[in-house]
Structure formats: C-alpha cells, structure tokens
C-alpha cells in the first residue's frame, strides 16, 4: 500500500502491469497528476485484493458443496 501511494507506477509494475505502470508514470511526472496516479494505484490494488478474496470465497463454497 505504501508503494502505491509513494510511487504509484512501481506498484503497477511490481504486479506485472507494465503498460499500465508506464501510463501511470507519465501521469505521475506532473505535480498535479501525482495525486490521481496515487489514487488510481491504491484503488487498483484494493480491487485486486477484493477479486482475490472473492475467488477464495467462491472456491470455498464450491468445495463445500462437494
């Protein structure tokens, strides 16, 4: 989370989203664009974590039915 706030583009690159990281870097290099880039990176990280939780829940429900 700290990386997503301080260096948003590295947050994307570390998760394997290189093209998104480059676009985020271009946005981040402007002073005004840094805040939206940080918000974008944090929201993306939270969405990825939520998707992982949902997949785990779905897997647990399916295993419970067997």
N, C-alpha and C. Protein backbone atom coordinates (compact mmCIF):
# COMPACT_ATOMS: atom_id res chain seq x y z
N UNK A 1 0.83 -1.19 0.00
CA UNK A 1 0.00 0.00 0.00
C UNK A 1 0.88 1.26 0.00
N UNK A 2 1.97 1.23 0.79
CA UNK A 2 2.88 2.37 0.85
C UNK A 2 3.45 2.68 -0.53
N UNK A 3 3.83 1.63 -1.25
CA UNK A 3 4.39 1.80 -2.58
C UNK A 3 3.36 2.40 -3.54
N UNK A 4 2.12 2.01 -3.39
CA UNK A 4 1.06 2.54 -4.26
C UNK A 4 0.83 4.03 -4.02
N UNK A 5 1.09 4.49 -2.82
CA UNK A 5 0.90 5.91 -2.51
C UNK A 5 2.13 6.73 -2.90
N UNK A 6 3.31 6.23 -2.56
CA UNK A 6 4.53 7.00 -2.79
C UNK A 6 4.98 6.94 -4.25
N UNK A 7 5.04 5.75 -4.82
CA UNK A 7 5.45 5.57 -6.21
C UNK A 7 4.41 4.71 -6.93
N UNK A 8 3.32 5.33 -7.33
CA UNK A 8 2.21 4.56 -7.93
C UNK A 8 2.62 3.71 -9.12
N UNK A 9 3.48 4.22 -9.98
CA UNK A 9 3.83 3.46 -11.18
C UNK A 9 4.57 2.17 -10.83
N UNK A 10 5.37 2.18 -9.76
CA UNK A 10 6.07 0.97 -9.35
C UNK A 10 5.11 -0.08 -8.80
N UNK A 11 4.02 0.38 -8.22
CA UNK A 11 3.01 -0.55 -7.72
C UNK A 11 2.43 -1.38 -8.87
N UNK A 12 2.17 -0.72 -9.99
CA UNK A 12 1.65 -1.44 -11.16
C UNK A 12 2.70 -2.38 -11.75
N UNK A 13 3.92 -1.88 -11.88
CA UNK A 13 4.99 -2.68 -12.48
C UNK A 13 5.30 -3.90 -11.62
N UNK A 14 5.28 -3.74 -10.30
CA UNK A 14 5.55 -4.86 -9.39
C UNK A 14 4.49 -5.94 -9.50
N UNK A 15 3.27 -5.56 -9.90
CA UNK A 15 2.20 -6.55 -10.06
C UNK A 15 2.11 -7.07 -11.48
N UNK A 16 3.10 -6.71 -12.33
CA UNK A 16 3.14 -7.25 -13.69
C UNK A 16 2.35 -6.48 -14.71
N UNK A 17 1.88 -5.30 -14.37
CA UNK A 17 1.11 -4.47 -15.30
C UNK A 17 2.02 -3.36 -15.82
N UNK A 18 2.92 -3.73 -16.73
CA UNK A 18 3.97 -2.81 -17.19
C UNK A 18 3.39 -1.64 -17.98
N UNK A 19 2.51 -1.90 -18.93
CA UNK A 19 1.93 -0.83 -19.74
C UNK A 19 1.14 0.15 -18.87
N UNK A 20 0.37 -0.37 -17.94
CA UNK A 20 -0.37 0.49 -17.02
C UNK A 20 0.60 1.29 -16.17
N UNK A 21 1.70 0.68 -15.76
CA UNK A 21 2.72 1.38 -14.98
C UNK A 21 3.34 2.52 -15.75
N UNK A 22 3.58 2.33 -17.04
CA UNK A 22 4.15 3.39 -17.88
C UNK A 22 3.16 4.54 -18.01
N UNK A 23 1.90 4.22 -18.25
CA UNK A 23 0.87 5.27 -18.35
C UNK A 23 0.76 6.02 -17.03
N UNK A 24 0.80 5.29 -15.93
CA UNK A 24 0.74 5.91 -14.61
C UNK A 24 1.96 6.80 -14.38
N UNK A 25 3.13 6.36 -14.83
CA UNK A 25 4.34 7.16 -14.67
C UNK A 25 4.22 8.48 -15.42
N UNK A 26 3.69 8.42 -16.64
CA UNK A 26 3.50 9.64 -17.43
C UNK A 26 2.57 10.60 -16.69
N UNK A 27 1.53 10.07 -16.09
CA UNK A 27 0.61 10.89 -15.30
C UNK A 27 1.30 11.41 -14.04
N UNK A 28 2.10 10.59 -13.43
CA UNK A 28 2.73 10.93 -12.16
C UNK A 28 3.82 12.00 -12.29
N UNK A 29 4.47 12.12 -13.42
CA UNK A 29 5.58 13.06 -13.53
C UNK A 29 5.13 14.52 -13.48
N UNK A 30 3.85 14.76 -13.63
CA UNK A 30 3.34 16.11 -13.42
C UNK A 30 2.94 16.22 -11.95
N UNK A 31 3.12 17.39 -11.40
CA UNK A 31 2.79 17.59 -9.98
C UNK A 31 1.30 17.39 -9.74
N UNK A 32 0.49 17.89 -10.63
CA UNK A 32 -0.97 17.76 -10.47
C UNK A 32 -1.41 16.32 -10.70
N UNK A 33 -0.71 15.59 -11.57
CA UNK A 33 -1.10 14.23 -11.90
C UNK A 33 -0.68 13.19 -10.87
N UNK A 34 0.19 13.57 -9.93
CA UNK A 34 0.67 12.60 -8.95
C UNK A 34 -0.47 12.11 -8.05
N UNK A 35 -1.32 13.00 -7.59
CA UNK A 35 -2.42 12.60 -6.72
C UNK A 35 -3.40 11.65 -7.42
N UNK A 36 -3.86 11.96 -8.64
CA UNK A 36 -4.72 10.98 -9.32
C UNK A 36 -4.02 9.65 -9.57
N UNK A 37 -2.72 9.69 -9.86
CA UNK A 37 -1.97 8.45 -10.10
C UNK A 37 -1.93 7.62 -8.82
N UNK A 38 -1.72 8.26 -7.68
CA UNK A 38 -1.68 7.55 -6.40
C UNK A 38 -3.05 6.96 -6.07
N UNK A 39 -4.10 7.73 -6.29
CA UNK A 39 -5.45 7.23 -6.04
C UNK A 39 -5.76 6.05 -6.95
N UNK A 40 -5.38 6.15 -8.21
CA UNK A 40 -5.58 5.07 -9.18
C UNK A 40 -4.86 3.81 -8.73
N UNK A 41 -3.62 3.94 -8.30
CA UNK A 41 -2.84 2.77 -7.88
C UNK A 41 -3.44 2.12 -6.63
N UNK A 42 -3.88 2.93 -5.66
CA UNK A 42 -4.47 2.38 -4.44
C UNK A 42 -5.79 1.67 -4.76
N UNK A 43 -6.61 2.30 -5.60
CA UNK A 43 -7.89 1.66 -5.97
C UNK A 43 -7.66 0.37 -6.73
N UNK A 44 -6.68 0.36 -7.62
CA UNK A 44 -6.37 -0.85 -8.38
C UNK A 44 -5.90 -1.97 -7.45
N UNK A 45 -5.06 -1.62 -6.48
CA UNK A 45 -4.58 -2.61 -5.52
C UNK A 45 -5.73 -3.16 -4.69
N UNK A 46 -6.62 -2.28 -4.23
CA UNK A 46 -7.77 -2.74 -3.44
C UNK A 46 -8.70 -3.62 -4.27
N UNK A 47 -8.90 -3.28 -5.54
CA UNK A 47 -9.75 -4.10 -6.41
C UNK A 47 -9.13 -5.48 -6.64
N UNK A 48 -7.82 -5.51 -6.80
CA UNK A 48 -7.14 -6.79 -7.00
C UNK A 48 -7.27 -7.68 -5.76
N UNK A 49 -7.12 -7.06 -4.59
CA UNK A 49 -7.27 -7.82 -3.34
C UNK A 49 -8.71 -8.31 -3.16
N UNK A 50 -9.68 -7.47 -3.52
CA UNK A 50 -11.09 -7.87 -3.42
C UNK A 50 -11.39 -9.02 -4.36
N UNK A 51 -10.85 -8.97 -5.58
CA UNK A 51 -11.06 -10.06 -6.53
C UNK A 51 -10.46 -11.36 -6.01
N UNK A 52 -9.31 -11.29 -5.39
CA UNK A 52 -8.68 -12.49 -4.81
C UNK A 52 -9.54 -13.06 -3.69
N UNK A 53 -10.07 -12.18 -2.83
CA UNK A 53 -10.95 -12.64 -1.74
C UNK A 53 -12.20 -13.30 -2.31
N UNK A 54 -12.78 -12.71 -3.34
CA UNK A 54 -13.98 -13.28 -3.95
C UNK A 54 -13.70 -14.64 -4.57
N UNK A 55 -12.56 -14.76 -5.23
CA UNK A 55 -12.20 -16.06 -5.82
C UNK A 55 -12.02 -17.10 -4.72
N UNK A 56 -11.40 -16.72 -3.62
CA UNK A 56 -11.23 -17.65 -2.50
C UNK A 56 -12.58 -18.07 -1.92
N UNK A 57 -13.50 -17.13 -1.79
CA UNK A 57 -14.84 -17.45 -1.27
C UNK A 57 -15.59 -18.38 -2.21
N UNK A 58 -15.52 -18.10 -3.50
CA UNK A 58 -16.20 -18.94 -4.48
C UNK A 58 -15.62 -20.34 -4.44
N UNK A 59 -14.30 -20.44 -4.35
CA UNK A 59 -13.65 -21.75 -4.29
C UNK A 59 -14.09 -22.49 -3.03
N UNK A 60 -14.18 -21.81 -1.89
CA UNK A 60 -14.59 -22.44 -0.64
C UNK A 60 -16.03 -22.92 -0.72
N UNK A 61 -16.90 -22.15 -1.33
CA UNK A 61 -18.31 -22.54 -1.47
C UNK A 61 -18.42 -23.78 -2.36
N UNK A 62 -17.68 -23.77 -3.46
CA UNK A 62 -17.73 -24.91 -4.38
C UNK A 62 -17.18 -26.17 -3.72
N UNK A 63 -16.14 -26.05 -2.91
CA UNK A 63 -15.59 -27.20 -2.23
C UNK A 63 -16.53 -27.69 -1.13
N UNK A 64 -17.28 -26.79 -0.55
CA UNK A 64 -18.23 -27.17 0.49
C UNK A 64 -19.42 -27.95 -0.05
N UNK A 65 -19.75 -27.75 -1.31
CA UNK A 65 -20.88 -28.43 -1.93
C UNK A 65 -20.53 -29.85 -2.34
N UNK A 66 -19.26 -30.16 -2.46
CA UNK A 66 -18.85 -31.49 -2.95
C UNK A 66 -18.96 -32.53 -1.89
